[in-house]
Amino acid sequence: MDLSVLKETLGNYETFGGNIGTALKGIPTLLTSILNFFDNFGALADTTGNNLDKLSS
């Protein structure tokens, strides 16, 4: 195996590791956003309905 191939392969894993690490760190924030949306769904739906009524008038 040529050392340049080994270097390139390891470089690809380093890039992948950095990218997947960033993605995994964002999962808790994403889940929190989704849960907050469903916690506030009733209020959001009421607000949307009220604003839609105002738009129709």
N, C-alpha and C. Protein backbone atom coordinates (compact mmCIF):
# COMPACT_ATOMS: atom_id res chain seq x y z
N MET A 1 0.85 -1.17 0.00
CA MET A 1 0.00 0.00 0.00
C MET A 1 0.90 1.24 0.00
N ASP A 2 0.57 2.14 -0.86
CA ASP A 2 1.30 3.40 -0.97
C ASP A 2 0.93 4.31 0.21
N LEU A 3 1.88 5.01 0.76
CA LEU A 3 1.62 5.89 1.90
C LEU A 3 0.67 7.03 1.56
N SER A 4 0.68 7.50 0.34
CA SER A 4 -0.24 8.57 -0.05
C SER A 4 -1.70 8.10 -0.02
N VAL A 5 -1.92 6.84 -0.38
CA VAL A 5 -3.27 6.27 -0.33
C VAL A 5 -3.73 6.18 1.12
N LEU A 6 -2.82 5.73 1.98
CA LEU A 6 -3.13 5.63 3.40
C LEU A 6 -3.44 7.02 3.98
N LYS A 7 -2.65 8.00 3.62
CA LYS A 7 -2.85 9.37 4.10
C LYS A 7 -4.20 9.90 3.64
N GLU A 8 -4.53 9.67 2.37
CA GLU A 8 -5.81 10.13 1.82
C GLU A 8 -6.98 9.46 2.52
N THR A 9 -6.87 8.16 2.74
CA THR A 9 -7.94 7.41 3.40
C THR A 9 -8.16 7.91 4.82
N LEU A 10 -7.07 8.10 5.55
CA LEU A 10 -7.20 8.61 6.92
C LEU A 10 -7.74 10.03 6.94
N GLY A 11 -7.38 10.83 5.96
CA GLY A 11 -7.91 12.18 5.85
C GLY A 11 -9.41 12.18 5.63
N ASN A 12 -9.89 11.22 4.82
CA ASN A 12 -11.33 11.10 4.59
C ASN A 12 -12.06 10.73 5.87
N TYR A 13 -11.48 9.83 6.67
CA TYR A 13 -12.09 9.46 7.95
C TYR A 13 -12.09 10.63 8.92
N GLU A 14 -11.04 11.43 8.88
CA GLU A 14 -10.96 12.60 9.75
C GLU A 14 -12.08 13.59 9.40
N THR A 15 -12.28 13.81 8.12
CA THR A 15 -13.35 14.71 7.68
C THR A 15 -14.70 14.15 8.08
N PHE A 16 -14.91 12.86 7.85
CA PHE A 16 -16.17 12.23 8.23
C PHE A 16 -16.41 12.33 9.73
N GLY A 17 -15.38 12.07 10.50
CA GLY A 17 -15.50 12.13 11.96
C GLY A 17 -15.88 13.52 12.43
N GLY A 18 -15.29 14.54 11.83
CA GLY A 18 -15.63 15.91 12.20
C GLY A 18 -17.06 16.25 11.83
N ASN A 19 -17.49 15.82 10.66
CA ASN A 19 -18.85 16.13 10.21
C ASN A 19 -19.90 15.38 11.03
N ILE A 20 -19.67 14.12 11.29
CA ILE A 20 -20.66 13.34 12.04
C ILE A 20 -20.73 13.82 13.49
N GLY A 21 -19.59 14.25 14.02
CA GLY A 21 -19.58 14.79 15.38
C GLY A 21 -20.44 16.03 15.48
N THR A 22 -20.33 16.91 14.51
CA THR A 22 -21.14 18.13 14.48
C THR A 22 -22.62 17.78 14.37
N ALA A 23 -22.93 16.82 13.53
CA ALA A 23 -24.33 16.41 13.34
C ALA A 23 -24.89 15.79 14.62
N LEU A 24 -24.12 14.96 15.28
CA LEU A 24 -24.60 14.31 16.50
C LEU A 24 -24.80 15.31 17.63
N LYS A 25 -23.97 16.33 17.68
CA LYS A 25 -24.12 17.35 18.72
C LYS A 25 -25.40 18.15 18.54
N GLY A 26 -25.90 18.23 17.32
CA GLY A 26 -27.12 18.99 17.05
C GLY A 26 -28.41 18.24 17.33
N ILE A 27 -28.34 16.94 17.58
CA ILE A 27 -29.55 16.13 17.79
C ILE A 27 -30.36 16.59 19.00
N PRO A 28 -29.75 16.85 20.16
CA PRO A 28 -30.56 17.30 21.30
C PRO A 28 -31.32 18.61 21.02
N THR A 29 -30.69 19.53 20.33
CA THR A 29 -31.36 20.79 19.98
C THR A 29 -32.52 20.54 19.04
N LEU A 30 -32.33 19.67 18.07
CA LEU A 30 -33.41 19.32 17.14
C LEU A 30 -34.58 18.68 17.86
N LEU A 31 -34.30 17.72 18.74
CA LEU A 31 -35.37 17.05 19.48
C LEU A 31 -36.11 18.02 20.38
N THR A 32 -35.39 18.94 21.01
CA THR A 32 -36.02 19.95 21.87
C THR A 32 -36.95 20.83 21.04
N SER A 33 -36.51 21.22 19.87
CA SER A 33 -37.35 22.06 19.00
C SER A 33 -38.62 21.33 18.59
N ILE A 34 -38.50 20.06 18.26
CA ILE A 34 -39.67 19.27 17.86
C ILE A 34 -40.64 19.13 19.02
N LEU A 35 -40.12 18.82 20.21
CA LEU A 35 -40.99 18.66 21.38
C LEU A 35 -41.66 19.97 21.75
N ASN A 36 -40.95 21.08 21.68
CA ASN A 36 -41.55 22.38 21.97
C ASN A 36 -42.66 22.71 20.99
N PHE A 37 -42.46 22.35 19.73
CA PHE A 37 -43.50 22.58 18.73
C PHE A 37 -44.78 21.85 19.11
N PHE A 38 -44.66 20.58 19.50
CA PHE A 38 -45.86 19.82 19.84
C PHE A 38 -46.44 20.22 21.19
N ASP A 39 -45.61 20.70 22.11
CA ASP A 39 -46.12 21.22 23.38
C ASP A 39 -46.97 22.47 23.15
N ASN A 40 -46.56 23.29 22.21
CA ASN A 40 -47.25 24.55 21.92
C ASN A 40 -48.22 24.44 20.74
N PHE A 41 -48.50 23.24 20.30
CA PHE A 41 -49.28 23.06 19.08
C PHE A 41 -50.67 23.68 19.20
N GLY A 42 -51.32 23.51 20.35
CA GLY A 42 -52.66 24.08 20.54
C GLY A 42 -52.65 25.59 20.42
N ALA A 43 -51.69 26.22 21.10
CA ALA A 43 -51.60 27.68 21.05
C ALA A 43 -51.25 28.15 19.65
N LEU A 44 -50.35 27.43 18.99
CA LEU A 44 -49.97 27.81 17.62
C LEU A 44 -51.16 27.68 16.67
N ALA A 45 -51.94 26.62 16.84
CA ALA A 45 -53.11 26.42 15.98
C ALA A 45 -54.14 27.51 16.23
N ASP A 46 -54.37 27.88 17.50
CA ASP A 46 -55.31 28.95 17.82
C ASP A 46 -54.87 30.28 17.22
N THR A 47 -53.59 30.57 17.35
CA THR A 47 -53.06 31.82 16.78
C THR A 47 -53.21 31.84 15.28
N THR A 48 -52.92 30.72 14.64
CA THR A 48 -53.07 30.64 13.19
C THR A 48 -54.53 30.82 12.79
N GLY A 49 -55.42 30.16 13.50
CA GLY A 49 -56.84 30.29 13.21
C GLY A 49 -57.34 31.71 13.37
N ASN A 50 -56.94 32.37 14.46
CA ASN A 50 -57.34 33.76 14.71
C ASN A 50 -56.83 34.68 13.62
N ASN A 51 -55.60 34.50 13.24
CA ASN A 51 -55.01 35.34 12.19
C ASN A 51 -55.65 35.06 10.84
N LEU A 52 -56.03 33.82 10.60
CA LEU A 52 -56.69 33.49 9.34
C LEU A 52 -58.07 34.15 9.29
N ASP A 53 -58.76 34.16 10.44
CA ASP A 53 -60.06 34.83 10.49
C ASP A 53 -59.92 36.32 10.19
N LYS A 54 -58.88 36.94 10.73
CA LYS A 54 -58.64 38.37 10.49
C LYS A 54 -58.32 38.63 9.03
N LEU A 55 -57.62 37.69 8.40
CA LEU A 55 -57.26 37.84 7.01
C LEU A 55 -58.49 37.76 6.12
N SER A 56 -59.42 36.91 6.51
CA SER A 56 -60.63 36.70 5.70
C SER A 56 -61.59 37.88 5.81
N SER A 57 -61.52 38.64 6.89
CA SER A 57 -62.48 39.74 7.11
C SER A 57 -62.24 40.89 6.19
